[in-house]
Amino acid sequence: MNAHIRGSITRQLRLQQIDILAAQEDSTAQLPENELLDQAIRLNRALVSQSDGLTTEASRPRGAVVPFPSVIYAHQLCITIRQFVQDPDLTAKAGEPEVFHNQVEYRPL
C-alpha cells in the first residue's frame, strides 16, 4: 500500500488476515511512483494506491516485457473506508498478485 492509503484501511485489512505491506513500514513512503512500482515488482506484491500518478506510471511501457503486479486504484473522494475494506476483489488480489499481473484496477467499479 502506498503512502496515500489511510492507516485505518491498512489496519482493517490486517484484521481480515490480509498480508499488507505499507510503504511507511517498507521505507518506501517517499519514493517516486516509478520506483514504488519497481519495488512492488521486486516483491511480487499487488500495489494499492490512491495516487493518480501511479496509474499513469503503471500504464507506461516497461521496456522489454516486464510484468508488474496488479495496481489497484481508488480515488480518495470516490470510495469509503468501508467499501475499501469490504471489496472482495481487493482482498483476493492482495493475497494472490501473480494471478493479476499487468492490470490496473479501478475501485469502486
PDB file of N, CA and C in Angstrom:
ATOM      1  N   MET A   1       0.852  -1.159   0.000  1.00  0.00           N
ATOM      2  CA  MET A   1       0.000   0.000   0.000  1.00  0.00           C
ATOM      3  C   MET A   1       0.897   1.220   0.000  1.00  0.00           C
ATOM      4  N   ASN A   2       0.582   2.147  -0.892  1.00  0.00           N
ATOM      5  CA  ASN A   2       1.445   3.315  -0.922  1.00  0.00           C
ATOM      6  C   ASN A   2       1.076   4.288   0.193  1.00  0.00           C
ATOM      7  N   ALA A   3       1.848   5.350   0.302  1.00  0.00           N
ATOM      8  CA  ALA A   3       1.709   6.279   1.422  1.00  0.00           C
ATOM      9  C   ALA A   3       0.386   7.038   1.429  1.00  0.00           C
ATOM     10  N   HIS A   4      -0.358   7.037   0.326  1.00  0.00           N
ATOM     11  CA  HIS A   4      -1.623   7.754   0.258  1.00  0.00           C
ATOM     12  C   HIS A   4      -2.780   7.013   0.930  1.00  0.00           C
ATOM     13  N   ILE A   5      -2.609   5.760   1.251  1.00  0.00           N
ATOM     14  CA  ILE A   5      -3.675   4.951   1.842  1.00  0.00           C
ATOM     15  C   ILE A   5      -3.745   5.225   3.343  1.00  0.00           C
ATOM     16  N   ARG A   6      -4.946   5.479   3.829  1.00  0.00           N
ATOM     17  CA  ARG A   6      -5.130   5.755   5.264  1.00  0.00           C
ATOM     18  C   ARG A   6      -4.735   4.540   6.108  1.00  0.00           C
ATOM     19  N   GLY A   7      -4.141   4.834   7.251  1.00  0.00           N
ATOM     20  CA  GLY A   7      -3.748   3.773   8.179  1.00  0.00           C
ATOM     21  C   GLY A   7      -4.928   2.939   8.634  1.00  0.00           C
ATOM     22  N   SER A   8      -6.113   3.545   8.732  1.00  0.00           N
ATOM     23  CA  SER A   8      -7.298   2.793   9.172  1.00  0.00           C
ATOM     24  C   SER A   8      -7.656   1.701   8.159  1.00  0.00           C
ATOM     25  N   ILE A   9      -7.419   1.939   6.879  1.00  0.00           N
ATOM     26  CA  ILE A   9      -7.683   0.918   5.858  1.00  0.00           C
ATOM     27  C   ILE A   9      -6.702  -0.236   6.019  1.00  0.00           C
ATOM     28  N   THR A  10      -5.436   0.094   6.203  1.00  0.00           N
ATOM     29  CA  THR A  10      -4.422  -0.940   6.397  1.00  0.00           C
ATOM     30  C   THR A  10      -4.757  -1.790   7.619  1.00  0.00           C
ATOM     31  N   ARG A  11      -5.121  -1.151   8.722  1.00  0.00           N
ATOM     32  CA  ARG A  11      -5.448  -1.903   9.947  1.00  0.00           C
ATOM     33  C   ARG A  11      -6.655  -2.815   9.743  1.00  0.00           C
ATOM     34  N   GLN A  12      -7.697  -2.306   9.084  1.00  0.00           N
ATOM     35  CA  GLN A  12      -8.904  -3.117   8.859  1.00  0.00           C
ATOM     36  C   GLN A  12      -8.607  -4.329   7.974  1.00  0.00           C
ATOM     37  N   LEU A  13      -7.798  -4.146   6.948  1.00  0.00           N
ATOM     38  CA  LEU A  13      -7.447  -5.274   6.083  1.00  0.00           C
ATOM     39  C   LEU A  13      -6.623  -6.302   6.842  1.00  0.00           C
ATOM     40  N   ARG A  14      -5.757  -5.849   7.719  1.00  0.00           N
ATOM     41  CA  ARG A  14      -4.966  -6.788   8.524  1.00  0.00           C
ATOM     42  C   ARG A  14      -5.859  -7.576   9.485  1.00  0.00           C
ATOM     43  N   LEU A  15      -6.907  -6.944   9.986  1.00  0.00           N
ATOM     44  CA  LEU A  15      -7.851  -7.662  10.841  1.00  0.00           C
ATOM     45  C   LEU A  15      -8.537  -8.793  10.077  1.00  0.00           C
ATOM     46  N   GLN A  16      -8.602  -8.670   8.752  1.00  0.00           N
ATOM     47  CA  GLN A  16      -9.178  -9.712   7.901  1.00  0.00           C
ATOM     48  C   GLN A  16      -8.114 -10.737   7.476  1.00  0.00           C
ATOM     49  N   GLN A  17      -6.941 -10.667   8.093  1.00  0.00           N
ATOM     50  CA  GLN A  17      -5.830 -11.579   7.801  1.00  0.00           C
ATOM     51  C   GLN A  17      -5.260 -11.395   6.393  1.00  0.00           C
ATOM     52  N   ILE A  18      -5.369 -10.166   5.842  1.00  0.00           N
ATOM     53  CA  ILE A  18      -4.783  -9.853   4.544  1.00  0.00           C
ATOM     54  C   ILE A  18      -3.335  -9.415   4.780  1.00  0.00           C
ATOM     55  N   ASP A  19      -2.414 -10.001   4.037  1.00  0.00           N
ATOM     56  CA  ASP A  19      -0.996  -9.691   4.169  1.00  0.00           C
ATOM     57  C   ASP A  19      -0.726  -8.337   3.507  1.00  0.00           C
ATOM     58  N   ILE A  20      -0.555  -7.307   4.306  1.00  0.00           N
ATOM     59  CA  ILE A  20      -0.375  -5.936   3.837  1.00  0.00           C
ATOM     60  C   ILE A  20       1.028  -5.463   4.192  1.00  0.00           C
ATOM     61  N   LEU A  21       1.665  -4.820   3.243  1.00  0.00           N
ATOM     62  CA  LEU A  21       2.937  -4.150   3.490  1.00  0.00           C
ATOM     63  C   LEU A  21       2.741  -2.684   3.145  1.00  0.00           C
ATOM     64  N   ALA A  22       2.741  -1.841   4.144  1.00  0.00           N
ATOM     65  CA  ALA A  22       2.549  -0.408   3.938  1.00  0.00           C
ATOM     66  C   ALA A  22       3.877   0.236   3.566  1.00  0.00           C
ATOM     67  N   ALA A  23       3.827   1.220   2.689  1.00  0.00           N
ATOM     68  CA  ALA A  23       5.038   1.898   2.240  1.00  0.00           C
ATOM     69  C   ALA A  23       5.812   2.490   3.423  1.00  0.00           C
ATOM     70  N   GLN A  24       5.093   2.977   4.420  1.00  0.00           N
ATOM     71  CA  GLN A  24       5.754   3.562   5.577  1.00  0.00           C
ATOM     72  C   GLN A  24       6.588   2.518   6.329  1.00  0.00           C
ATOM     73  N   GLU A  25       6.160   1.276   6.328  1.00  0.00           N
ATOM     74  CA  GLU A  25       6.880   0.215   7.033  1.00  0.00           C
ATOM     75  C   GLU A  25       8.045  -0.319   6.208  1.00  0.00           C
ATOM     76  N   ASP A  26       7.976  -0.116   4.907  1.00  0.00           N
ATOM     77  CA  ASP A  26       8.978  -0.643   3.983  1.00  0.00           C
ATOM     78  C   ASP A  26      10.011   0.424   3.613  1.00  0.00           C
ATOM     79  N   SER A  27       9.936   1.572   4.250  1.00  0.00           N
ATOM     80  CA  SER A  27      10.828   2.706   3.974  1.00  0.00           C
ATOM     81  C   SER A  27      10.747   3.168   2.521  1.00  0.00           C
ATOM     82  N   THR A  28       9.551   3.033   1.916  1.00  0.00           N
ATOM     83  CA  THR A  28       9.379   3.467   0.529  1.00  0.00           C
ATOM     84  C   THR A  28       8.344   4.580   0.409  1.00  0.00           C
ATOM     85  N   ALA A  29       7.948   5.163   1.522  1.00  0.00           N
ATOM     86  CA  ALA A  29       6.881   6.173   1.508  1.00  0.00           C
ATOM     87  C   ALA A  29       7.241   7.401   0.681  1.00  0.00           C
ATOM     88  N   GLN A  30       8.516   7.710   0.548  1.00  0.00           N
ATOM     89  CA  GLN A  30       8.928   8.907  -0.178  1.00  0.00           C
ATOM     90  C   GLN A  30       9.406   8.616  -1.602  1.00  0.00           C
ATOM     91  N   LEU A  31       9.296   7.358  -2.037  1.00  0.00           N
ATOM     92  CA  LEU A  31       9.766   7.016  -3.386  1.00  0.00           C
ATOM     93  C   LEU A  31       8.860   7.604  -4.460  1.00  0.00           C
ATOM     94  N   PRO A  32       9.428   7.996  -5.595  1.00  0.00           N
ATOM     95  CA  PRO A  32       8.588   8.381  -6.732  1.00  0.00           C
ATOM     96  C   PRO A  32       7.803   7.157  -7.224  1.00  0.00           C
ATOM     97  N   GLU A  33       6.712   7.401  -7.949  1.00  0.00           N
ATOM     98  CA  GLU A  33       5.837   6.316  -8.376  1.00  0.00           C
ATOM     99  C   GLU A  33       6.566   5.219  -9.148  1.00  0.00           C
ATOM    100  N   ASN A  34       7.482   5.594 -10.045  1.00  0.00           N
ATOM    101  CA  ASN A  34       8.168   4.570 -10.839  1.00  0.00           C
ATOM    102  C   ASN A  34       9.003   3.650  -9.957  1.00  0.00           C
ATOM    103  N   GLU A  35       9.640   4.195  -8.934  1.00  0.00           N
ATOM    104  CA  GLU A  35      10.444   3.369  -8.032  1.00  0.00           C
ATOM    105  C   GLU A  35       9.552   2.524  -7.109  1.00  0.00           C
ATOM    106  N   LEU A  36       8.418   3.071  -6.716  1.00  0.00           N
ATOM    107  CA  LEU A  36       7.485   2.302  -5.894  1.00  0.00           C
ATOM    108  C   LEU A  36       6.943   1.107  -6.675  1.00  0.00           C
ATOM    109  N   LEU A  37       6.619   1.319  -7.944  1.00  0.00           N
ATOM    110  CA  LEU A  37       6.159   0.219  -8.784  1.00  0.00           C
ATOM    111  C   LEU A  37       7.278  -0.804  -8.986  1.00  0.00           C
ATOM    112  N   ASP A  38       8.507  -0.342  -9.174  1.00  0.00           N
ATOM    113  CA  ASP A  38       9.644  -1.269  -9.288  1.00  0.00           C
ATOM    114  C   ASP A  38       9.799  -2.105  -8.025  1.00  0.00           C
ATOM    115  N   GLN A  39       9.591  -1.496  -6.861  1.00  0.00           N
ATOM    116  CA  GLN A  39       9.665  -2.235  -5.590  1.00  0.00           C
ATOM    117  C   GLN A  39       8.570  -3.297  -5.519  1.00  0.00           C
ATOM    118  N   ALA A  40       7.358  -2.961  -5.958  1.00  0.00           N
ATOM    119  CA  ALA A  40       6.265  -3.940  -5.982  1.00  0.00           C
ATOM    120  C   ALA A  40       6.601  -5.098  -6.914  1.00  0.00           C
ATOM    121  N   ILE A  41       7.256  -4.795  -8.035  1.00  0.00           N
ATOM    122  CA  ILE A  41       7.680  -5.845  -8.969  1.00  0.00           C
ATOM    123  C   ILE A  41       8.695  -6.754  -8.293  1.00  0.00           C
ATOM    124  N   ARG A  42       9.696  -6.168  -7.632  1.00  0.00           N
ATOM    125  CA  ARG A  42      10.717  -6.978  -6.953  1.00  0.00           C
ATOM    126  C   ARG A  42      10.104  -7.878  -5.881  1.00  0.00           C
ATOM    127  N   LEU A  43       9.110  -7.354  -5.163  1.00  0.00           N
ATOM    128  CA  LEU A  43       8.486  -8.120  -4.074  1.00  0.00           C
ATOM    129  C   LEU A  43       7.324  -8.995  -4.551  1.00  0.00           C
ATOM    130  N   ASN A  44       6.927  -8.839  -5.830  1.00  0.00           N
ATOM    131  CA  ASN A  44       5.783  -9.554  -6.402  1.00  0.00           C
ATOM    132  C   ASN A  44       4.527  -9.362  -5.547  1.00  0.00           C
ATOM    133  N   ARG A  45       4.217  -8.099  -5.288  1.00  0.00           N
ATOM    134  CA  ARG A  45       3.052  -7.758  -4.475  1.00  0.00           C
ATOM    135  C   ARG A  45       2.144  -6.814  -5.241  1.00  0.00           C
ATOM    136  N   ALA A  46       0.845  -7.003  -5.081  1.00  0.00           N
ATOM    137  CA  ALA A  46      -0.116  -6.047  -5.631  1.00  0.00           C
ATOM    138  C   ALA A  46       0.119  -4.706  -4.948  1.00  0.00           C
ATOM    139  N   LEU A  47      -0.137  -3.640  -5.666  1.00  0.00           N
ATOM    140  CA  LEU A  47       0.084  -2.294  -5.135  1.00  0.00           C
ATOM    141  C   LEU A  47      -1.250  -1.564  -5.091  1.00  0.00           C
ATOM    142  N   VAL A  48      -1.653  -1.172  -3.899  1.00  0.00           N
ATOM    143  CA  VAL A  48      -2.910  -0.452  -3.707  1.00  0.00           C
ATOM    144  C   VAL A  48      -2.564   1.015  -3.523  1.00  0.00           C
ATOM    145  N   SER A  49      -3.264   1.881  -4.261  1.00  0.00           N
ATOM    146  CA  SER A  49      -2.894   3.286  -4.263  1.00  0.00           C
ATOM    147  C   SER A  49      -4.109   4.191  -4.403  1.00  0.00           C
ATOM    148  N   GLN A  50      -3.947   5.399  -3.947  1.00  0.00           N
ATOM    149  CA  GLN A  50      -4.909   6.460  -4.198  1.00  0.00           C
ATOM    150  C   GLN A  50      -4.205   7.624  -4.898  1.00  0.00           C
ATOM    151  N   SER A  51      -3.106   7.327  -5.568  1.00  0.00           N
ATOM    152  CA  SER A  51      -2.318   8.323  -6.282  1.00  0.00           C
ATOM    153  C   SER A  51      -2.576   8.230  -7.787  1.00  0.00           C
ATOM    154  N   ASP A  52      -3.028   9.342  -8.379  1.00  0.00           N
ATOM    155  CA  ASP A  52      -3.255   9.372  -9.825  1.00  0.00           C
ATOM    156  C   ASP A  52      -1.971   9.092 -10.598  1.00  0.00           C
ATOM    157  N   GLY A  53      -0.859   9.547 -10.076  1.00  0.00           N
ATOM    158  CA  GLY A  53       0.414   9.361 -10.766  1.00  0.00           C
ATOM    159  C   GLY A  53       0.808   7.908 -10.908  1.00  0.00           C
ATOM    160  N   LEU A  54       0.408   7.086  -9.983  1.00  0.00           N
ATOM    161  CA  LEU A  54       0.764   5.672 -10.049  1.00  0.00           C
ATOM    162  C   LEU A  54       0.037   4.962 -11.181  1.00  0.00           C
ATOM    163  N   THR A  55      -1.204   5.335 -11.448  1.00  0.00           N
ATOM    164  CA  THR A  55      -1.909   4.708 -12.574  1.00  0.00           C
ATOM    165  C   THR A  55      -1.249   5.091 -13.891  1.00  0.00           C
ATOM    166  N   THR A  56      -0.778   6.317 -13.980  1.00  0.00           N
ATOM    167  CA  THR A  56      -0.062   6.751 -15.179  1.00  0.00           C
ATOM    168  C   THR A  56       1.222   5.953 -15.333  1.00  0.00           C
ATOM    169  N   GLU A  57       1.953   5.812 -14.264  1.00  0.00           N
ATOM    170  CA  GLU A  57       3.217   5.062 -14.303  1.00  0.00           C
ATOM    171  C   GLU A  57       2.984   3.599 -14.670  1.00  0.00           C
ATOM    172  N   ALA A  58       1.954   2.988 -14.118  1.00  0.00           N
ATOM    173  CA  ALA A  58       1.672   1.577 -14.405  1.00  0.00           C
ATOM    174  C   ALA A  58       1.251   1.376 -15.854  1.00  0.00           C
ATOM    175  N   SER A  59       0.706   2.419 -16.479  1.00  0.00           N
ATOM    176  CA  SER A  59       0.251   2.315 -17.869  1.00  0.00           C
ATOM    177  C   SER A  59       1.374   2.504 -18.878  1.00  0.00           C
ATOM    178  N   ARG A  60       2.526   2.957 -18.432  1.00  0.00           N
ATOM    179  CA  ARG A  60       3.654   3.180 -19.347  1.00  0.00           C
ATOM    180  C   ARG A  60       4.294   1.863 -19.740  1.00  0.00           C
ATOM    181  N   PRO A  61       4.803   1.793 -20.968  1.00  0.00           N
ATOM    182  CA  PRO A  61       5.555   0.598 -21.364  1.00  0.00           C
ATOM    183  C   PRO A  61       6.772   0.449 -20.449  1.00  0.00           C
ATOM    184  N   ARG A  62       7.074  -0.757 -20.056  1.00  0.00           N
ATOM    185  CA  ARG A  62       8.156  -1.009 -19.112  1.00  0.00           C
ATOM    186  C   ARG A  62       9.339  -1.698 -19.790  1.00  0.00           C
ATOM    187  N   GLY A  63       9.723  -1.238 -20.976  1.00  0.00           N
ATOM    188  CA  GLY A  63      10.867  -1.824 -21.679  1.00  0.00           C
ATOM    189  C   GLY A  63      10.482  -3.178 -22.249  1.00  0.00           C
ATOM    190  N   ALA A  64      11.400  -4.128 -22.165  1.00  0.00           N
ATOM    191  CA  ALA A  64      11.069  -5.491 -22.586  1.00  0.00           C
ATOM    192  C   ALA A  64       9.875  -5.909 -21.747  1.00  0.00           C
ATOM    193  N   VAL A  65       9.244  -6.929 -22.087  1.00  0.00           N
ATOM    194  CA  VAL A  65       8.009  -7.302 -21.401  1.00  0.00           C
ATOM    195  C   VAL A  65       8.319  -7.609 -19.928  1.00  0.00           C
ATOM    196  N   VAL A  66       8.113  -6.612 -19.086  1.00  0.00           N
ATOM    197  CA  VAL A  66       8.345  -6.749 -17.650  1.00  0.00           C
ATOM    198  C   VAL A  66       6.985  -6.758 -16.975  1.00  0.00           C
ATOM    199  N   PRO A  67       6.531  -7.919 -16.516  1.00  0.00           N
ATOM    200  CA  PRO A  67       5.225  -7.944 -15.859  1.00  0.00           C
ATOM    201  C   PRO A  67       5.273  -7.177 -14.542  1.00  0.00           C
ATOM    202  N   PHE A  68       4.167  -6.544 -14.222  1.00  0.00           N
ATOM    203  CA  PHE A  68       4.083  -5.878 -12.928  1.00  0.00           C
ATOM    204  C   PHE A  68       2.860  -6.421 -12.203  1.00  0.00           C
ATOM    205  N   PRO A  69       2.919  -6.427 -10.876  1.00  0.00           N
ATOM    206  CA  PRO A  69       1.758  -6.887 -10.120  1.00  0.00           C
ATOM    207  C   PRO A  69       0.589  -5.934 -10.330  1.00  0.00           C
ATOM    208  N   SER A  70      -0.559  -6.378 -10.004  1.00  0.00           N
ATOM    209  CA  SER A  70      -1.766  -5.569 -10.138  1.00  0.00           C
ATOM    210  C   SER A  70      -1.624  -4.258  -9.371  1.00  0.00           C
ATOM    211  N   VAL A  71      -2.067  -3.168  -9.990  1.00  0.00           N
ATOM    212  CA  VAL A  71      -2.181  -1.888  -9.309  1.00  0.00           C
ATOM    213  C   VAL A  71      -3.671  -1.656  -9.102  1.00  0.00           C
ATOM    214  N   ILE A  72      -4.062  -1.479  -7.862  1.00  0.00           N
ATOM    215  CA  ILE A  72      -5.464  -1.272  -7.513  1.00  0.00           C
ATOM    216  C   ILE A  72      -5.598   0.179  -7.077  1.00  0.00           C
ATOM    217  N   TYR A  73      -6.399   0.940  -7.814  1.00  0.00           N
ATOM    218  CA  TYR A  73      -6.526   2.376  -7.582  1.00  0.00           C
ATOM    219  C   TYR A  73      -7.937   2.720  -7.133  1.00  0.00           C
ATOM    220  N   ALA A  74      -8.017   3.547  -6.121  1.00  0.00           N
ATOM    221  CA  ALA A  74      -9.307   4.056  -5.650  1.00  0.00           C
ATOM    222  C   ALA A  74      -9.129   5.529  -5.305  1.00  0.00           C
ATOM    223  N   HIS A  75      -9.855   6.397  -5.998  1.00  0.00           N
ATOM    224  CA  HIS A  75      -9.759   7.829  -5.711  1.00  0.00           C
ATOM    225  C   HIS A  75     -10.283   8.090  -4.303  1.00  0.00           C
ATOM    226  N   GLN A  76      -9.602   8.955  -3.577  1.00  0.00           N
ATOM    227  CA  GLN A  76      -9.944   9.215  -2.178  1.00  0.00           C
ATOM    228  C   GLN A  76     -11.359   9.720  -1.989  1.00  0.00           C
ATOM    229  N   LEU A  77     -11.908  10.437  -2.972  1.00  0.00           N
ATOM    230  CA  LEU A  77     -13.244  11.004  -2.824  1.00  0.00           C
ATOM    231  C   LEU A  77     -14.341  10.085  -3.352  1.00  0.00           C
ATOM    232  N   CYS A  78     -13.972   8.968  -3.942  1.00  0.00           N
ATOM    233  CA  CYS A  78     -14.962   8.101  -4.588  1.00  0.00           C
ATOM    234  C   CYS A  78     -15.182   6.769  -3.878  1.00  0.00           C
ATOM    235  N   ILE A  79     -14.508   6.538  -2.782  1.00  0.00           N
ATOM    236  CA  ILE A  79     -14.665   5.266  -2.080  1.00  0.00           C
ATOM    237  C   ILE A  79     -14.575   5.517  -0.576  1.00  0.00           C
ATOM    238  N   THR A  80     -15.425   4.843   0.160  1.00  0.00           N
ATOM    239  CA  THR A  80     -15.378   4.965   1.616  1.00  0.00           C
ATOM    240  C   THR A  80     -14.414   3.918   2.179  1.00  0.00           C
ATOM    241  N   ILE A  81     -14.029   4.111   3.413  1.00  0.00           N
ATOM    242  CA  ILE A  81     -13.174   3.123   4.072  1.00  0.00           C
ATOM    243  C   ILE A  81     -13.881   1.772   4.091  1.00  0.00           C
ATOM    244  N   ARG A  82     -15.170   1.767   4.398  1.00  0.00           N
ATOM    245  CA  ARG A  82     -15.936   0.518   4.436  1.00  0.00           C
ATOM    246  C   ARG A  82     -15.912  -0.184   3.078  1.00  0.00           C
ATOM    247  N   GLN A  83     -16.156   0.568   1.992  1.00  0.00           N
ATOM    248  CA  GLN A  83     -16.115  -0.041   0.659  1.00  0.00           C
ATOM    249  C   GLN A  83     -14.730  -0.617   0.372  1.00  0.00           C
ATOM    250  N   PHE A  84     -13.722   0.112   0.772  1.00  0.00           N
ATOM    251  CA  PHE A  84     -12.353  -0.315   0.516  1.00  0.00           C
ATOM    252  C   PHE A  84     -12.062  -1.650   1.193  1.00  0.00           C
ATOM    253  N   VAL A  85     -12.400  -1.759   2.470  1.00  0.00           N
ATOM    254  CA  VAL A  85     -12.029  -2.973   3.212  1.00  0.00           C
ATOM    255  C   VAL A  85     -12.990  -4.131   2.975  1.00  0.00           C
ATOM    256  N   GLN A  86     -14.163  -3.879   2.413  1.00  0.00           N
ATOM    257  CA  GLN A  86     -15.101  -4.965   2.150  1.00  0.00           C
ATOM    258  C   GLN A  86     -15.121  -5.390   0.689  1.00  0.00           C
ATOM    259  N   ASP A  87     -14.205  -4.887  -0.117  1.00  0.00           N
ATOM    260  CA  ASP A  87     -14.135  -5.218  -1.533  1.00  0.00           C
ATOM    261  C   ASP A  87     -13.500  -6.601  -1.689  1.00  0.00           C
ATOM    262  N   PRO A  88     -14.272  -7.626  -2.078  1.00  0.00           N
ATOM    263  CA  PRO A  88     -13.719  -8.985  -2.164  1.00  0.00           C
ATOM    264  C   PRO A  88     -12.632  -9.115  -3.224  1.00  0.00           C
ATOM    265  N   ASP A  89     -12.733  -8.362  -4.327  1.00  0.00           N
ATOM    266  CA  ASP A  89     -11.685  -8.422  -5.345  1.00  0.00           C
ATOM    267  C   ASP A  89     -10.373  -7.868  -4.812  1.00  0.00           C
ATOM    268  N   LEU A  90     -10.453  -6.815  -4.037  1.00  0.00           N
ATOM    269  CA  LEU A  90      -9.258  -6.221  -3.472  1.00  0.00           C
ATOM    270  C   LEU A  90      -8.549  -7.224  -2.577  1.00  0.00           C
ATOM    271  N   THR A  91      -9.278  -7.887  -1.717  1.00  0.00           N
ATOM    272  CA  THR A  91      -8.643  -8.826  -0.799  1.00  0.00           C
ATOM    273  C   THR A  91      -8.071 -10.024  -1.543  1.00  0.00           C
ATOM    274  N   ALA A  92      -8.741 -10.491  -2.586  1.00  0.00           N
ATOM    275  CA  ALA A  92      -8.223 -11.616  -3.367  1.00  0.00           C
ATOM    276  C   ALA A  92      -6.945 -11.220  -4.093  1.00  0.00           C
ATOM    277  N   LYS A  93      -6.920 -10.032  -4.682  1.00  0.00           N
ATOM    278  CA  LYS A  93      -5.756  -9.597  -5.437  1.00  0.00           C
ATOM    279  C   LYS A  93      -4.574  -9.304  -4.521  1.00  0.00           C
ATOM    280  N   ALA A  94      -4.860  -8.803  -3.350  1.00  0.00           N
ATOM    281  CA  ALA A  94      -3.776  -8.553  -2.406  1.00  0.00           C
ATOM    282  C   ALA A  94      -3.142  -9.875  -1.981  1.00  0.00           C
ATOM    283  N   GLY A  95      -3.944 -10.926  -1.923  1.00  0.00           N
ATOM    284  CA  GLY A  95      -3.440 -12.224  -1.494  1.00  0.00           C
ATOM    285  C   GLY A  95      -2.756 -13.019  -2.589  1.00  0.00           C
ATOM    286  N   GLU A  96      -3.113 -12.807  -3.862  1.00  0.00           N
ATOM    287  CA  GLU A  96      -2.546 -13.580  -4.960  1.00  0.00           C
ATOM    288  C   GLU A  96      -2.215 -12.671  -6.144  1.00  0.00           C
ATOM    289  N   PRO A  97      -1.215 -11.795  -6.015  1.00  0.00           N
ATOM    290  CA  PRO A  97      -0.943 -10.822  -7.072  1.00  0.00           C
ATOM    291  C   PRO A  97      -0.476 -11.443  -8.383  1.00  0.00           C
ATOM    292  N   GLU A  98       0.140 -12.620  -8.333  1.00  0.00           N
ATOM    293  CA  GLU A  98       0.650 -13.215  -9.566  1.00  0.00           C
ATOM    294  C   GLU A  98      -0.462 -13.547 -10.552  1.00  0.00           C
ATOM    295  N   VAL A  99      -1.680 -13.712 -10.071  1.00  0.00           N
ATOM    296  CA  VAL A  99      -2.815 -14.015 -10.933  1.00  0.00           C
ATOM    297  C   VAL A  99      -3.257 -12.778 -11.711  1.00  0.00           C
ATOM    298  N   PHE A 100      -2.911 -11.601 -11.232  1.00  0.00           N
ATOM    299  CA  PHE A 100      -3.441 -10.363 -11.781  1.00  0.00           C
ATOM    300  C   PHE A 100      -2.368  -9.443 -12.345  1.00  0.00           C
ATOM    301  N   HIS A 101      -1.280 -10.005 -12.848  1.00  0.00           N
ATOM    302  CA  HIS A 101      -0.202  -9.177 -13.386  1.00  0.00           C
ATOM    303  C   HIS A 101      -0.692  -8.291 -14.521  1.00  0.00           C
ATOM    304  N   ASN A 102      -0.015  -7.146 -14.657  1.00  0.00           N
ATOM    305  CA  ASN A 102      -0.199  -6.214 -15.770  1.00  0.00           C
ATOM    306  C   ASN A 102      -1.591  -5.616 -15.849  1.00  0.00           C
ATOM    307  N   GLN A 103      -2.235  -5.422 -14.719  1.00  0.00           N
ATOM    308  CA  GLN A 103      -3.569  -4.842 -14.699  1.00  0.00           C
ATOM    309  C   GLN A 103      -3.612  -3.636 -13.772  1.00  0.00           C
ATOM    310  N   VAL A 104      -4.339  -2.612 -14.201  1.00  0.00           N
ATOM    311  CA  VAL A 104      -4.668  -1.501 -13.328  1.00  0.00           C
ATOM    312  C   VAL A 104      -6.160  -1.615 -13.073  1.00  0.00           C
ATOM    313  N   GLU A 105      -6.537  -1.803 -11.827  1.00  0.00           N
ATOM    314  CA  GLU A 105      -7.928  -1.954 -11.424  1.00  0.00           C
ATOM    315  C   GLU A 105      -8.398  -0.648 -10.776  1.00  0.00           C
ATOM    316  N   TYR A 106      -9.596  -0.230 -11.110  1.00  0.00           N
ATOM    317  CA  TYR A 106     -10.149   0.993 -10.544  1.00  0.00           C
ATOM    318  C   TYR A 106     -11.287   0.627  -9.600  1.00  0.00           C
ATOM    319  N   ARG A 107     -11.286   1.207  -8.392  1.00  0.00           N
ATOM    320  CA  ARG A 107     -12.324   0.967  -7.401  1.00  0.00           C
ATOM    321  C   ARG A 107     -12.949   2.279  -6.981  1.00  0.00           C
ATOM    322  N   PRO A 108     -14.201   2.344  -6.673  1.00  0.00           N
ATOM    323  CA  PRO A 108     -15.184   1.282  -6.925  1.00  0.00           C
ATOM    324  C   PRO A 108     -15.497   1.216  -8.414  1.00  0.00           C
ATOM    325  N   LEU A 109     -16.082   0.084  -8.798  1.00  0.00           N
ATOM    326  CA  LEU A 109     -16.410  -0.102 -10.216  1.00  0.00           C
ATOM    327  C   LEU A 109     -17.537   0.827 -10.618  1.00  0.00           C
TER     328      LEU A 109
END
